[in-house]
Every structure is written in structure tokens, then in C-alpha cells.
Amino acid sequence: MDRRTDPTGLALVVVDMINTYDHEDAELLVPSVRRVVPVLAELIGRARKADVPVIYANDNFGVWRSHHGELVDTALARPHADLIEPIRPDDESLFVVKARHSVFYETPLAYLLWRLDVGQVVLAGQVTEQCVLYSALDAHIRHLEVTVPRDAVASIHPHLAAAALEMMERNMGARILTAKEVDF
């Protein structure tokens, strides 16, 4: 196995956007997701056009036999399919199933990023004050550069999302900017 000491690549990690929205915070989350989806769809499109890996890291809805196609199909069969369709994975997208808040916890994502020679991740998706925050911290402790486009992350509680973005910037050195400012 070769040893990479200075990974230079970039990847877009889409966090938990394949969602059924049938959980207790959905009513608070959906309006924020509606604002984010068009921005995220454009960001995903630019990443794909630039041949930047797009990696979906998504909860498995507690179904341990599920795979990415089943998760997408389940989400598309629910009432908020309009939030999934514009950002759905294509045939080139990579997919990591996760069970906890961080996209790194007990997943192969760190190894995948290493194999792709990625040193910087752009984190987008939901929920800013939960999974995005914890994923940014885990990326930071793995010595990855972190970028979070503030208009491409959805939240349940806007005041907590603002605090989370500030923490990512101050405590983790994350670049917090708009999706249009992300340079693929």
C-alpha cells in the first residue's frame, strides 16, 4: 500500500439529503431544505462537471440490510420526493451508508478519501447543527481541510446552525462561504 503524505484532491460530501422526512423534526427542517435543494443541486452539478467526486453519506433509516438504491427509492416514494429528485445520486456518485451523526463514524469514508487522494472536503446537506457539525469536526481531526457552503446546508434551528457554522470556522479552521464561492 502506498503512503500519501500530502493529499491534494477535493470531494463534495452530501450529508443525509436522501431523506423520507417522516421524523419528529421534519416540520422544522423541510422549509430549510426547500431553500437549500436548488443551491445544492447546482453545487452537485458543478462538481460533476469538474470531475470532482460526489460522495453521498446517508443514514440508513435504521434498516441494516439497506443499500443506496433502496434508500433513494424509499425517499422518492414518500411525500417529499421533490426534495430528493434534483439532488439524487447519478451513476458516477459514490455512496457511504452511515448510522450515526458523523459521516466518518464507523464508515469507510476516511479510507475512500485516502484512496481518492482527497485532502479537502466540501460538506453540504443536513443538518447543520448536527451531522454537518460533527462531520466537520471528524474531518478536521483527520487533517482534512473543510469547506461548508452556508447556503447549501439545512437546519432545524437557525440559531444553532449559526453557532455551528461559527464553531466550524473558529475552532476547526473551516472555510464558511457561499456555494457560488466554492471553486471546483
Protein backbone atom coordinates (compact mmCIF):
# COMPACT_ATOMS: atom_id res chain seq x y z
CA MET A 1 0.00 0.00 0.00
CA ASP A 2 1.42 3.38 -0.94
CA ARG A 3 1.69 6.20 1.61
CA ARG A 4 0.28 9.56 0.64
CA THR A 5 1.64 12.39 2.72
CA ASP A 6 0.04 15.42 1.08
CA PRO A 7 -3.35 14.64 -0.44
CA THR A 8 -4.45 17.41 -2.76
CA GLY A 9 -7.81 16.35 -4.14
CA LEU A 10 -11.23 17.73 -3.39
CA ALA A 11 -14.53 15.92 -2.82
CA LEU A 12 -18.10 17.07 -2.28
CA VAL A 13 -19.78 15.16 0.55
CA VAL A 14 -23.58 15.36 0.53
CA VAL A 15 -24.79 14.64 4.05
CA ASP A 16 -28.16 12.96 4.75
CA MET A 17 -30.08 14.52 1.88
CA ILE A 18 -31.72 11.24 0.88
CA ASN A 19 -34.43 11.53 3.48
CA THR A 20 -38.03 10.44 3.98
CA TYR A 21 -38.85 13.45 6.19
CA ASP A 22 -41.09 11.38 8.41
CA HIS A 23 -39.30 12.14 11.68
CA GLU A 24 -40.22 14.40 14.58
CA ASP A 25 -38.20 17.44 13.43
CA ALA A 26 -39.28 17.25 9.80
CA GLU A 27 -41.77 20.10 10.07
CA LEU A 28 -38.99 22.42 11.20
CA LEU A 29 -36.43 21.02 8.74
CA VAL A 30 -38.37 20.89 5.46
CA PRO A 31 -38.63 24.68 4.89
CA SER A 32 -34.85 24.99 5.24
CA VAL A 33 -34.31 22.01 2.92
CA ARG A 34 -36.58 23.64 0.31
CA ARG A 35 -34.26 26.69 0.27
CA VAL A 36 -31.12 24.54 0.11
CA VAL A 37 -32.06 21.99 -2.59
CA PRO A 38 -31.71 24.33 -5.62
CA VAL A 39 -28.36 25.60 -4.34
CA LEU A 40 -27.16 22.08 -3.61
CA ALA A 41 -28.35 20.80 -7.00
CA GLU A 42 -26.28 23.50 -8.70
CA LEU A 43 -23.26 22.69 -6.49
CA ILE A 44 -23.53 18.97 -7.28
CA GLY A 45 -23.82 19.77 -10.98
CA ARG A 46 -20.67 21.92 -10.91
CA ALA A 47 -18.75 19.24 -9.00
CA ARG A 48 -19.79 16.58 -11.51
CA LYS A 49 -18.84 18.80 -14.45
CA ALA A 50 -15.41 19.38 -12.88
CA ASP A 51 -14.93 15.63 -12.27
CA VAL A 52 -14.86 16.20 -8.51
CA PRO A 53 -16.05 13.10 -6.64
CA VAL A 54 -19.56 13.48 -5.25
CA ILE A 55 -19.99 11.26 -2.22
CA TYR A 56 -23.36 10.80 -0.58
CA ALA A 57 -23.10 9.90 3.11
CA ASN A 58 -26.52 8.99 4.34
CA ASP A 59 -28.40 7.48 7.24
CA ASN A 60 -29.81 4.05 6.59
CA PHE A 61 -33.23 4.79 8.20
CA GLY A 62 -32.41 2.06 10.73
CA VAL A 63 -32.70 -0.66 8.09
CA TRP A 64 -29.45 -2.60 8.27
CA ARG A 65 -29.96 -4.53 5.06
CA SER A 66 -30.48 -1.38 3.01
CA HIS A 67 -28.26 -0.20 0.18
CA HIS A 68 -28.09 3.14 -1.57
CA GLY A 69 -30.59 2.28 -4.32
CA GLU A 70 -33.14 1.17 -1.78
CA LEU A 71 -32.63 4.34 0.29
CA VAL A 72 -33.14 6.53 -2.77
CA ASP A 73 -36.21 4.56 -3.88
CA THR A 74 -37.72 4.77 -0.39
CA ALA A 75 -37.19 8.53 -0.21
CA LEU A 76 -38.58 9.05 -3.71
CA ALA A 77 -41.73 7.12 -2.77
CA ARG A 78 -42.53 9.49 0.10
CA PRO A 79 -44.40 12.82 0.05
CA HIS A 80 -41.23 14.96 -0.20
CA ALA A 81 -39.78 13.30 -3.30
CA ASP A 82 -39.48 16.77 -4.84
CA LEU A 83 -36.66 17.42 -2.35
CA ILE A 84 -34.79 14.30 -3.47
CA GLU A 85 -35.17 14.29 -7.25
CA PRO A 86 -32.99 17.37 -8.02
CA ILE A 87 -30.08 16.07 -5.95
CA ARG A 88 -30.34 12.31 -6.42
CA PRO A 89 -27.14 10.33 -6.95
CA ASP A 90 -26.17 9.58 -10.54
CA ASP A 91 -24.28 6.52 -11.76
CA GLU A 92 -20.91 8.15 -11.01
CA SER A 93 -21.79 9.16 -7.44
CA LEU A 94 -20.23 7.32 -4.54
CA PHE A 95 -22.35 6.33 -1.55
CA VAL A 96 -21.50 5.62 2.07
CA VAL A 97 -24.19 4.39 4.45
CA LYS A 98 -23.85 5.73 7.99
CA ALA A 99 -25.64 5.03 11.22
CA ARG A 100 -24.63 7.93 13.47
CA HIS A 101 -24.18 11.69 13.18
CA SER A 102 -20.69 11.89 11.68
CA VAL A 103 -20.11 10.74 8.11
CA PHE A 104 -16.84 9.22 9.37
CA TYR A 105 -18.07 7.26 12.39
CA GLU A 106 -17.79 3.52 11.63
CA THR A 107 -17.91 4.14 7.85
CA PRO A 108 -15.28 3.58 5.14
CA LEU A 109 -15.26 7.28 4.22
CA ALA A 110 -11.78 8.07 5.57
CA TYR A 111 -10.32 5.19 3.58
CA LEU A 112 -12.27 6.19 0.46
CA LEU A 113 -11.00 9.77 0.70
CA TRP A 114 -7.46 8.49 1.16
CA ARG A 115 -7.79 6.26 -1.92
CA LEU A 116 -9.10 9.23 -3.91
CA ASP A 117 -6.16 11.36 -2.69
CA VAL A 118 -8.59 13.86 -1.14
CA GLY A 119 -7.25 16.46 1.27
CA GLN A 120 -10.23 18.82 1.24
CA VAL A 121 -13.92 18.09 1.69
CA VAL A 122 -16.85 20.33 0.92
CA LEU A 123 -19.63 19.39 3.33
CA ALA A 124 -23.21 20.17 2.26
CA GLY A 125 -26.60 18.81 3.29
CA GLN A 126 -28.34 18.45 6.60
CA VAL A 127 -28.48 19.12 9.49
CA THR A 128 -26.00 21.98 10.02
CA GLU A 129 -26.14 21.90 13.81
CA GLN A 130 -25.91 18.13 13.99
CA CYS A 131 -24.47 15.85 11.30
CA VAL A 132 -22.64 18.56 9.35
CA LEU A 133 -21.04 19.93 12.54
CA TYR A 134 -19.93 16.51 13.79
CA SER A 135 -18.68 15.53 10.35
CA ALA A 136 -16.67 18.76 10.09
CA LEU A 137 -15.05 18.02 13.44
CA ASP A 138 -14.19 14.48 12.40
CA ALA A 139 -12.77 15.76 9.09
CA HIS A 140 -10.70 18.34 10.98
CA ILE A 141 -9.18 15.76 13.35
CA ARG A 142 -8.27 13.70 10.27
CA HIS A 143 -6.30 16.71 8.96
CA LEU A 144 -8.68 17.35 6.10
CA GLU A 145 -9.43 20.90 5.02
CA VAL A 146 -13.13 21.63 5.45
CA THR A 147 -15.34 23.95 3.44
CA VAL A 148 -19.01 24.44 4.27
CA PRO A 149 -21.18 26.50 1.92
CA ARG A 150 -23.61 28.17 4.32
CA ASP A 151 -26.38 28.29 1.71
CA ALA A 152 -26.04 24.56 0.93
CA VAL A 153 -26.71 23.29 4.45
CA ALA A 154 -30.15 22.96 6.01
CA SER A 155 -31.04 23.35 9.66
CA ILE A 156 -33.74 22.63 12.17
CA HIS A 157 -32.86 25.52 14.48
CA PRO A 158 -31.35 28.53 12.67
CA HIS A 159 -29.74 29.99 15.79
CA LEU A 160 -27.95 26.69 16.48
CA ALA A 161 -26.93 26.44 12.82
CA ALA A 162 -25.37 29.91 13.01
CA ALA A 163 -23.47 28.89 16.15
CA ALA A 164 -22.38 25.62 14.49
CA LEU A 165 -21.03 27.47 11.45
CA GLU A 166 -19.15 29.85 13.73
CA MET A 167 -17.68 26.93 15.68
CA MET A 168 -16.59 25.21 12.47
CA GLU A 169 -14.88 28.39 11.31
CA ARG A 170 -13.25 29.38 14.61
CA ASN A 171 -12.45 26.02 16.15
CA MET A 172 -11.75 23.90 13.07
CA GLY A 173 -10.47 26.44 10.58
CA ALA A 174 -13.30 25.58 8.20
CA ARG A 175 -13.92 27.88 5.27
CA ILE A 176 -17.51 29.10 5.52
CA LEU A 177 -18.67 30.67 2.27
CA THR A 178 -21.46 30.52 -0.28
CA ALA A 179 -21.92 27.70 -2.76
CA LYS A 180 -21.07 30.04 -5.65
CA GLU A 181 -17.70 30.72 -3.97
CA VAL A 182 -16.77 27.03 -3.92
CA ASP A 183 -14.11 26.61 -6.59
CA PHE A 184 -14.11 23.18 -8.19
